[in-house]
C-alpha atoms as a PDB file:
ATOM      1  CA  MET A   1       3.424   2.936  29.994  1.00  0.00           C
ATOM      2  CA  GLY A   2       1.483   5.218  31.972  1.00  0.00           C
ATOM      3  CA  ALA A   3       3.301   9.341  33.084  1.00  0.00           C
ATOM      4  CA  ARG A   4       4.532   7.373  36.214  1.00  0.00           C
ATOM      5  CA  GLY A   5       6.453   4.923  34.417  1.00  0.00           C
ATOM      6  CA  GLU A   6       7.799   7.090  32.186  1.00  0.00           C
ATOM      7  CA  ILE A   7       9.366   8.897  34.916  1.00  0.00           C
ATOM      8  CA  TYR A   8      10.888   6.120  36.194  1.00  0.00           C
ATOM      9  CA  THR A   9      12.251   5.629  32.327  1.00  0.00           C
ATOM     10  CA  ILE A  10      13.859   9.300  32.235  1.00  0.00           C
ATOM     11  CA  ILE A  11      15.533   9.207  35.899  1.00  0.00           C
ATOM     12  CA  ARG A  12      16.628   5.374  34.788  1.00  0.00           C
ATOM     13  CA  ASP A  13      18.299   6.372  31.889  1.00  0.00           C
ATOM     14  CA  LEU A  14      19.707   9.380  33.519  1.00  0.00           C
ATOM     15  CA  ALA A  15      21.239   7.587  35.954  1.00  0.00           C
ATOM     16  CA  GLU A  16      23.226   5.119  33.656  1.00  0.00           C
ATOM     17  CA  THR A  17      24.692   7.935  32.286  1.00  0.00           C
ATOM     18  CA  GLY A  18      25.901   8.966  35.777  1.00  0.00           C
ATOM     19  CA  VAL A  19      23.553  12.376  36.201  1.00  0.00           C
ATOM     20  CA  SER A  20      22.579  11.820  39.757  1.00  0.00           C
ATOM     21  CA  VAL A  21      19.509  12.203  40.469  1.00  0.00           C
ATOM     22  CA  VAL A  22      17.350  13.346  44.289  1.00  0.00           C
ATOM     23  CA  LEU A  23      14.856  11.612  44.253  1.00  0.00           C
ATOM     24  CA  VAL A  24      12.277  13.174  47.136  1.00  0.00           C
ATOM     25  CA  SER A  25       9.742  10.327  47.372  1.00  0.00           C
ATOM     26  CA  SER A  26       7.472   8.815  50.824  1.00  0.00           C
ATOM     27  CA  ASP A  27       6.417   5.720  47.902  1.00  0.00           C
ATOM     28  CA  THR A  28       8.963   3.349  50.097  1.00  0.00           C
ATOM     29  CA  PRO A  29       8.427   0.257  46.653  1.00  0.00           C
ATOM     30  CA  GLU A  30       9.170   3.401  44.521  1.00  0.00           C
ATOM     31  CA  LEU A  31      12.353   4.161  46.429  1.00  0.00           C
ATOM     32  CA  ILE A  32      13.226   0.671  46.641  1.00  0.00           C
ATOM     33  CA  GLY A  33      13.013   0.304  42.800  1.00  0.00           C
ATOM     34  CA  LEU A  34      14.726   3.404  41.461  1.00  0.00           C
ATOM     35  CA  ALA A  35      17.236   4.382  44.424  1.00  0.00           C
ATOM     36  CA  HIS A  36      20.804   3.191  44.875  1.00  0.00           C
ATOM     37  CA  ARG A  37      20.546   5.263  48.418  1.00  0.00           C
ATOM     38  CA  VAL A  38      17.783   5.813  50.415  1.00  0.00           C
ATOM     39  CA  LEU A  39      18.436   8.664  53.481  1.00  0.00           C
ATOM     40  CA  VAL A  40      15.394   8.536  55.642  1.00  0.00           C
ATOM     41  CA  ILE A  41      14.660  11.342  57.338  1.00  0.00           C
ATOM     42  CA  ARG A  42      13.130  12.026  60.630  1.00  0.00           C
ATOM     43  CA  ALA A  43      12.371  15.523  62.400  1.00  0.00           C
ATOM     44  CA  GLY A  44      14.657  17.005  60.090  1.00  0.00           C
ATOM     45  CA  GLU A  45      17.847  14.766  60.516  1.00  0.00           C
ATOM     46  CA  ILE A  46      18.737  12.238  58.795  1.00  0.00           C
ATOM     47  CA  ALA A  47      17.621   8.908  61.098  1.00  0.00           C
ATOM     48  CA  GLY A  48      19.130   5.990  59.250  1.00  0.00           C
ATOM     49  CA  GLU A  49      21.086   5.768  55.335  1.00  0.00           C
ATOM     50  CA  LEU A  50      20.254   2.239  53.448  1.00  0.00           C
ATOM     51  CA  MET A  51      22.362   1.133  50.661  1.00  0.00           C
ATOM     52  CA  ARG A  52      21.541  -0.456  47.209  1.00  0.00           C
ATOM     53  CA  ASP A  53      22.662  -3.639  48.964  1.00  0.00           C
ATOM     54  CA  ASP A  54      20.250  -3.201  52.396  1.00  0.00           C
ATOM     55  CA  LEU A  55      17.331  -2.158  49.804  1.00  0.00           C
ATOM     56  CA  ASP A  56      17.816  -5.571  48.058  1.00  0.00           C
ATOM     57  CA  GLN A  57      17.207  -6.867  51.595  1.00  0.00           C
ATOM     58  CA  LYS A  58      13.719  -9.004  51.739  1.00  0.00           C
ATOM     59  CA  ASP A  59      12.733  -6.809  54.918  1.00  0.00           C
ATOM     60  CA  SER A  60      13.778  -3.638  53.648  1.00  0.00           C
ATOM     61  CA  GLN A  61      10.231  -2.180  53.566  1.00  0.00           C
ATOM     62  CA  GLU A  62      10.445  -2.193  56.842  1.00  0.00           C
ATOM     63  CA  GLN A  63      14.036  -1.086  57.699  1.00  0.00           C
ATOM     64  CA  ILE A  64      12.496   1.918  56.178  1.00  0.00           C
ATOM     65  CA  PHE A  65       9.435   2.588  58.292  1.00  0.00           C
ATOM     66  CA  ARG A  66      11.358   1.857  61.685  1.00  0.00           C
ATOM     67  CA  LEU A  67      14.004   4.366  60.353  1.00  0.00           C
ATOM     68  CA  ALA A  68      11.099   6.809  59.730  1.00  0.00           C
ATOM     69  CA  SER A  69       8.775   6.301  63.081  1.00  0.00           C
ATOM     70  CA  ASP A  70      12.401   5.910  65.369  1.00  0.00           C
ATOM     71  CA  GLN A  71      11.985   1.991  66.373  1.00  0.00           C
ATOM     72  CA  ALA A  72      15.758   2.070  64.936  1.00  0.00           C
ATOM     73  CA  LEU A  73      18.079   3.125  67.592  1.00  0.00           C
ATOM     74  CA  LEU A  74      21.271   2.249  64.995  1.00  0.00           C
ATOM     75  CA  GLN A  75      21.691   3.484  61.590  1.00  0.00           C
ATOM     76  CA  VAL A  76      21.031   0.862  58.811  1.00  0.00           C
ATOM     77  CA  GLY A  77      23.690   1.101  56.330  1.00  0.00           C
ATOM     78  CA  SER A  78      26.538  -1.247  54.261  1.00  0.00           C
ATOM     79  CA  GLU A  79      29.068   1.658  55.098  1.00  0.00           C
ATOM     80  CA  SER A  80      29.713   1.500  58.584  1.00  0.00           C
END
């Protein structure tokens, strides 16, 4: 396992113990694989939020890109 894999293991272990982890990344697959919730920031403001159920969808990466590029006018998320 490489350094990145070891970091992922540490993040998952911490989260399993109830520790909150804030992960900042532009690596979309990394976010989808690790996060329970993703906030997409565009121009210094929250453009949208995806919860774990949203991240489990086939088009989650596309949804993140749409929010980041101002192509989505409505907030994406399970909680309304």
